[in-house]
Amino acid sequence: MEKGNTVPVAAKNHTLQLDNRRKAALTGVMEVLAFDENQVVLRTESGEVALMGEGLHVTRLELSEGQLTVEGKIDSFFYSAPRKSSRLFRKSK
């Protein structure tokens, strides 16, 4: 890296902390792709992430810092590789 060039912290790291399947705190979040009470789909530095469950709601969103917190009953989560041309997940209608 050349001197003087910096990369924002959110662009370097991604973490997911899950507390008792009731609260998930993520860093490295770049974009919220879709969300409703049953799923939250995000684009992170490590690929797309889907959190699935019931009664999900975003309680904190600071994209400038790459941080997001979701609360509710979290049943599962999974990652997919980043895609350039299309999104893996689509918002349900």
N, C-alpha and C. Protein backbone atom coordinates (compact mmCIF):
# COMPACT_ATOMS: atom_id res chain seq x y z
N MET A 1 0.85 -1.18 0.00
CA MET A 1 0.00 0.00 0.00
C MET A 1 0.89 1.23 0.00
N GLU A 2 0.54 2.19 -0.82
CA GLU A 2 1.31 3.41 -0.90
C GLU A 2 1.08 4.26 0.34
N LYS A 3 2.09 5.01 0.67
CA LYS A 3 2.00 5.91 1.82
C LYS A 3 0.88 6.92 1.58
N GLY A 4 0.08 7.14 2.60
CA GLY A 4 -1.00 8.11 2.50
C GLY A 4 -2.34 7.51 2.09
N ASN A 5 -2.33 6.30 1.53
CA ASN A 5 -3.59 5.64 1.18
C ASN A 5 -4.10 4.89 2.39
N THR A 6 -5.35 5.12 2.74
CA THR A 6 -5.92 4.40 3.87
C THR A 6 -7.21 3.72 3.45
N VAL A 7 -7.49 2.62 4.09
CA VAL A 7 -8.72 1.88 3.85
C VAL A 7 -9.55 1.99 5.11
N PRO A 8 -10.86 2.33 4.99
CA PRO A 8 -11.70 2.43 6.18
C PRO A 8 -11.72 1.12 6.96
N VAL A 9 -11.86 1.19 8.27
CA VAL A 9 -11.89 0.00 9.11
C VAL A 9 -12.96 -0.97 8.64
N ALA A 10 -14.14 -0.48 8.26
CA ALA A 10 -15.23 -1.35 7.83
C ALA A 10 -14.84 -2.16 6.60
N ALA A 11 -13.91 -1.66 5.79
CA ALA A 11 -13.52 -2.36 4.57
C ALA A 11 -12.49 -3.45 4.83
N LYS A 12 -11.95 -3.54 6.04
CA LYS A 12 -10.91 -4.52 6.33
C LYS A 12 -11.43 -5.75 7.06
N ASN A 13 -12.39 -5.60 7.93
CA ASN A 13 -12.79 -6.69 8.81
C ASN A 13 -14.29 -6.93 8.78
N HIS A 14 -14.63 -8.18 9.05
CA HIS A 14 -16.04 -8.55 9.21
C HIS A 14 -16.12 -9.47 10.41
N THR A 15 -17.05 -9.18 11.32
CA THR A 15 -17.31 -10.06 12.44
C THR A 15 -18.81 -10.25 12.58
N LEU A 16 -19.18 -11.38 13.16
CA LEU A 16 -20.57 -11.64 13.51
C LEU A 16 -20.56 -12.20 14.92
N GLN A 17 -21.21 -11.50 15.82
CA GLN A 17 -21.32 -11.95 17.21
C GLN A 17 -22.78 -12.27 17.47
N LEU A 18 -23.06 -13.50 17.87
CA LEU A 18 -24.42 -13.95 18.11
C LEU A 18 -24.59 -14.20 19.60
N ASP A 19 -25.55 -13.54 20.24
CA ASP A 19 -25.80 -13.67 21.67
C ASP A 19 -27.12 -14.38 21.91
N ASN A 20 -27.05 -15.62 22.40
CA ASN A 20 -28.22 -16.40 22.78
C ASN A 20 -29.29 -16.48 21.68
N ARG A 21 -28.87 -16.43 20.44
CA ARG A 21 -29.78 -16.50 19.29
C ARG A 21 -30.86 -15.42 19.32
N ARG A 22 -30.64 -14.34 20.08
CA ARG A 22 -31.60 -13.25 20.19
C ARG A 22 -31.06 -11.93 19.67
N LYS A 23 -29.75 -11.85 19.50
CA LYS A 23 -29.13 -10.59 19.06
C LYS A 23 -27.87 -10.92 18.26
N ALA A 24 -27.76 -10.30 17.09
CA ALA A 24 -26.57 -10.47 16.25
C ALA A 24 -25.98 -9.09 15.99
N ALA A 25 -24.69 -8.94 16.25
CA ALA A 25 -23.98 -7.70 15.98
C ALA A 25 -22.95 -8.00 14.90
N LEU A 26 -22.99 -7.24 13.81
CA LEU A 26 -22.09 -7.46 12.69
C LEU A 26 -21.26 -6.21 12.42
N THR A 27 -20.03 -6.43 11.98
CA THR A 27 -19.19 -5.34 11.49
C THR A 27 -18.78 -5.70 10.06
N GLY A 28 -18.25 -4.73 9.35
CA GLY A 28 -17.86 -4.95 7.96
C GLY A 28 -19.05 -4.97 7.02
N VAL A 29 -20.18 -4.43 7.47
CA VAL A 29 -21.39 -4.38 6.65
C VAL A 29 -21.27 -3.26 5.63
N MET A 30 -21.47 -3.59 4.37
CA MET A 30 -21.36 -2.60 3.30
C MET A 30 -22.72 -2.13 2.79
N GLU A 31 -23.74 -3.04 2.84
CA GLU A 31 -25.05 -2.70 2.29
C GLU A 31 -26.10 -3.65 2.85
N VAL A 32 -27.28 -3.14 3.12
CA VAL A 32 -28.43 -3.97 3.47
C VAL A 32 -29.18 -4.23 2.17
N LEU A 33 -29.24 -5.49 1.77
CA LEU A 33 -29.86 -5.85 0.49
C LEU A 33 -31.37 -6.06 0.61
N ALA A 34 -31.81 -6.63 1.73
CA ALA A 34 -33.24 -6.87 1.95
C ALA A 34 -33.46 -7.18 3.42
N PHE A 35 -34.66 -6.85 3.91
CA PHE A 35 -34.99 -7.27 5.26
C PHE A 35 -36.50 -7.26 5.47
N ASP A 36 -36.93 -8.17 6.30
CA ASP A 36 -38.30 -8.19 6.81
C ASP A 36 -38.24 -8.93 8.13
N GLU A 37 -39.38 -9.29 8.69
CA GLU A 37 -39.37 -9.90 10.02
C GLU A 37 -38.82 -11.32 10.03
N ASN A 38 -38.61 -11.91 8.86
CA ASN A 38 -38.10 -13.28 8.77
C ASN A 38 -36.68 -13.40 8.23
N GLN A 39 -36.15 -12.34 7.64
CA GLN A 39 -34.79 -12.42 7.11
C GLN A 39 -34.17 -11.03 7.03
N VAL A 40 -32.84 -11.01 7.17
CA VAL A 40 -32.06 -9.81 6.93
C VAL A 40 -30.90 -10.25 6.04
N VAL A 41 -30.77 -9.63 4.88
CA VAL A 41 -29.73 -10.00 3.92
C VAL A 41 -28.79 -8.82 3.73
N LEU A 42 -27.50 -9.07 3.89
CA LEU A 42 -26.48 -8.02 3.89
C LEU A 42 -25.36 -8.36 2.94
N ARG A 43 -24.68 -7.33 2.47
CA ARG A 43 -23.42 -7.50 1.74
C ARG A 43 -22.32 -7.06 2.68
N THR A 44 -21.36 -7.95 2.93
CA THR A 44 -20.24 -7.66 3.82
C THR A 44 -18.93 -7.86 3.07
N GLU A 45 -17.86 -7.56 3.73
CA GLU A 45 -16.53 -7.79 3.15
C GLU A 45 -16.26 -9.27 2.92
N SER A 46 -16.99 -10.14 3.60
CA SER A 46 -16.80 -11.59 3.46
C SER A 46 -17.84 -12.25 2.58
N GLY A 47 -18.64 -11.47 1.89
CA GLY A 47 -19.69 -12.01 1.03
C GLY A 47 -21.06 -11.61 1.53
N GLU A 48 -22.09 -12.18 0.90
CA GLU A 48 -23.46 -11.90 1.33
C GLU A 48 -23.79 -12.78 2.53
N VAL A 49 -24.53 -12.22 3.48
CA VAL A 49 -24.93 -12.93 4.70
C VAL A 49 -26.44 -12.83 4.81
N ALA A 50 -27.08 -13.95 5.11
CA ALA A 50 -28.52 -13.97 5.37
C ALA A 50 -28.74 -14.45 6.80
N LEU A 51 -29.45 -13.66 7.57
CA LEU A 51 -29.89 -14.05 8.91
C LEU A 51 -31.37 -14.40 8.79
N MET A 52 -31.76 -15.57 9.25
CA MET A 52 -33.13 -16.04 9.14
C MET A 52 -33.71 -16.25 10.53
N GLY A 53 -35.01 -15.96 10.70
CA GLY A 53 -35.64 -16.18 11.99
C GLY A 53 -37.05 -15.63 12.03
N GLU A 54 -37.45 -15.20 13.23
CA GLU A 54 -38.79 -14.66 13.44
C GLU A 54 -38.70 -13.37 14.23
N GLY A 55 -39.54 -12.42 13.90
CA GLY A 55 -39.59 -11.16 14.63
C GLY A 55 -38.29 -10.37 14.57
N LEU A 56 -37.58 -10.48 13.45
CA LEU A 56 -36.30 -9.80 13.32
C LEU A 56 -36.51 -8.32 13.08
N HIS A 57 -35.69 -7.52 13.74
CA HIS A 57 -35.71 -6.08 13.47
C HIS A 57 -34.31 -5.52 13.69
N VAL A 58 -33.97 -4.55 12.86
CA VAL A 58 -32.67 -3.89 12.94
C VAL A 58 -32.76 -2.83 14.02
N THR A 59 -31.90 -2.95 15.02
CA THR A 59 -31.91 -1.99 16.12
C THR A 59 -30.78 -0.97 16.01
N ARG A 60 -29.79 -1.29 15.18
CA ARG A 60 -28.68 -0.34 14.96
C ARG A 60 -28.17 -0.53 13.54
N LEU A 61 -28.03 0.58 12.83
CA LEU A 61 -27.47 0.54 11.48
C LEU A 61 -26.62 1.78 11.29
N GLU A 62 -25.33 1.58 11.14
CA GLU A 62 -24.38 2.67 10.88
C GLU A 62 -23.47 2.21 9.74
N LEU A 63 -23.96 2.40 8.51
CA LEU A 63 -23.19 1.94 7.35
C LEU A 63 -21.86 2.66 7.21
N SER A 64 -21.79 3.91 7.65
CA SER A 64 -20.52 4.64 7.56
C SER A 64 -19.44 3.97 8.40
N GLU A 65 -19.85 3.25 9.44
CA GLU A 65 -18.92 2.51 10.29
C GLU A 65 -18.98 1.01 10.02
N GLY A 66 -19.90 0.59 9.14
CA GLY A 66 -20.01 -0.82 8.80
C GLY A 66 -20.64 -1.66 9.90
N GLN A 67 -21.48 -1.06 10.75
CA GLN A 67 -22.04 -1.79 11.89
C GLN A 67 -23.55 -1.94 11.78
N LEU A 68 -24.02 -3.13 12.20
CA LEU A 68 -25.45 -3.42 12.19
C LEU A 68 -25.76 -4.37 13.34
N THR A 69 -26.89 -4.14 14.00
CA THR A 69 -27.37 -5.04 15.05
C THR A 69 -28.79 -5.45 14.73
N VAL A 70 -29.05 -6.74 14.84
CA VAL A 70 -30.38 -7.31 14.58
C VAL A 70 -30.83 -8.02 15.86
N GLU A 71 -32.10 -7.81 16.23
CA GLU A 71 -32.66 -8.52 17.37
C GLU A 71 -33.90 -9.28 16.95
N GLY A 72 -34.21 -10.35 17.65
CA GLY A 72 -35.34 -11.21 17.36
C GLY A 72 -34.92 -12.65 17.60
N LYS A 73 -35.71 -13.60 17.14
CA LYS A 73 -35.36 -15.02 17.26
C LYS A 73 -34.58 -15.43 16.01
N ILE A 74 -33.30 -15.64 16.16
CA ILE A 74 -32.42 -15.97 15.03
C ILE A 74 -32.30 -17.49 14.94
N ASP A 75 -32.82 -18.06 13.86
CA ASP A 75 -32.80 -19.50 13.67
C ASP A 75 -31.55 -19.97 12.93
N SER A 76 -31.07 -19.17 11.98
CA SER A 76 -29.91 -19.59 11.21
C SER A 76 -29.28 -18.39 10.51
N PHE A 77 -28.07 -18.61 10.04
CA PHE A 77 -27.41 -17.63 9.19
C PHE A 77 -26.49 -18.38 8.25
N PHE A 78 -26.28 -17.80 7.07
CA PHE A 78 -25.33 -18.42 6.15
C PHE A 78 -24.72 -17.36 5.24
N TYR A 79 -23.57 -17.72 4.70
CA TYR A 79 -22.80 -16.85 3.83
C TYR A 79 -22.82 -17.38 2.41
N SER A 80 -22.67 -16.48 1.46
CA SER A 80 -22.43 -16.85 0.07
C SER A 80 -21.31 -15.97 -0.44
N ALA A 81 -20.65 -16.42 -1.48
CA ALA A 81 -19.55 -15.65 -2.07
C ALA A 81 -20.11 -14.39 -2.72
N PRO A 82 -19.34 -13.32 -2.73
CA PRO A 82 -19.80 -12.10 -3.42
C PRO A 82 -20.04 -12.38 -4.89
N ARG A 83 -21.09 -11.77 -5.42
CA ARG A 83 -21.41 -11.92 -6.85
C ARG A 83 -21.36 -10.55 -7.49
N LYS A 84 -20.83 -10.49 -8.71
CA LYS A 84 -20.68 -9.21 -9.40
C LYS A 84 -21.94 -8.81 -10.16
N SER A 85 -22.58 -9.77 -10.84
CA SER A 85 -23.66 -9.40 -11.74
C SER A 85 -25.06 -9.47 -11.13
N SER A 86 -25.29 -10.36 -10.20
CA SER A 86 -26.63 -10.46 -9.61
C SER A 86 -26.53 -10.88 -8.16
N ARG A 87 -27.58 -10.63 -7.44
CA ARG A 87 -27.62 -10.99 -6.03
C ARG A 87 -28.14 -12.41 -5.87
N LEU A 88 -27.58 -13.12 -4.90
CA LEU A 88 -28.01 -14.47 -4.62
C LEU A 88 -29.40 -14.47 -4.02
N PHE A 89 -29.67 -13.52 -3.15
CA PHE A 89 -30.94 -13.47 -2.43
C PHE A 89 -31.83 -12.41 -3.03
N ARG A 90 -33.08 -12.65 -3.05
CA ARG A 90 -34.06 -11.68 -3.55
C ARG A 90 -35.04 -11.39 -2.43
N LYS A 91 -35.51 -10.17 -2.39
CA LYS A 91 -36.51 -9.79 -1.40
C LYS A 91 -37.80 -10.53 -1.71
N SER A 92 -38.36 -11.18 -0.68
CA SER A 92 -39.61 -11.89 -0.88
C SER A 92 -40.77 -10.91 -0.96
N LYS A 93 -41.78 -11.26 -1.74
CA LYS A 93 -42.92 -10.36 -1.93
C LYS A 93 -44.11 -10.85 -1.15
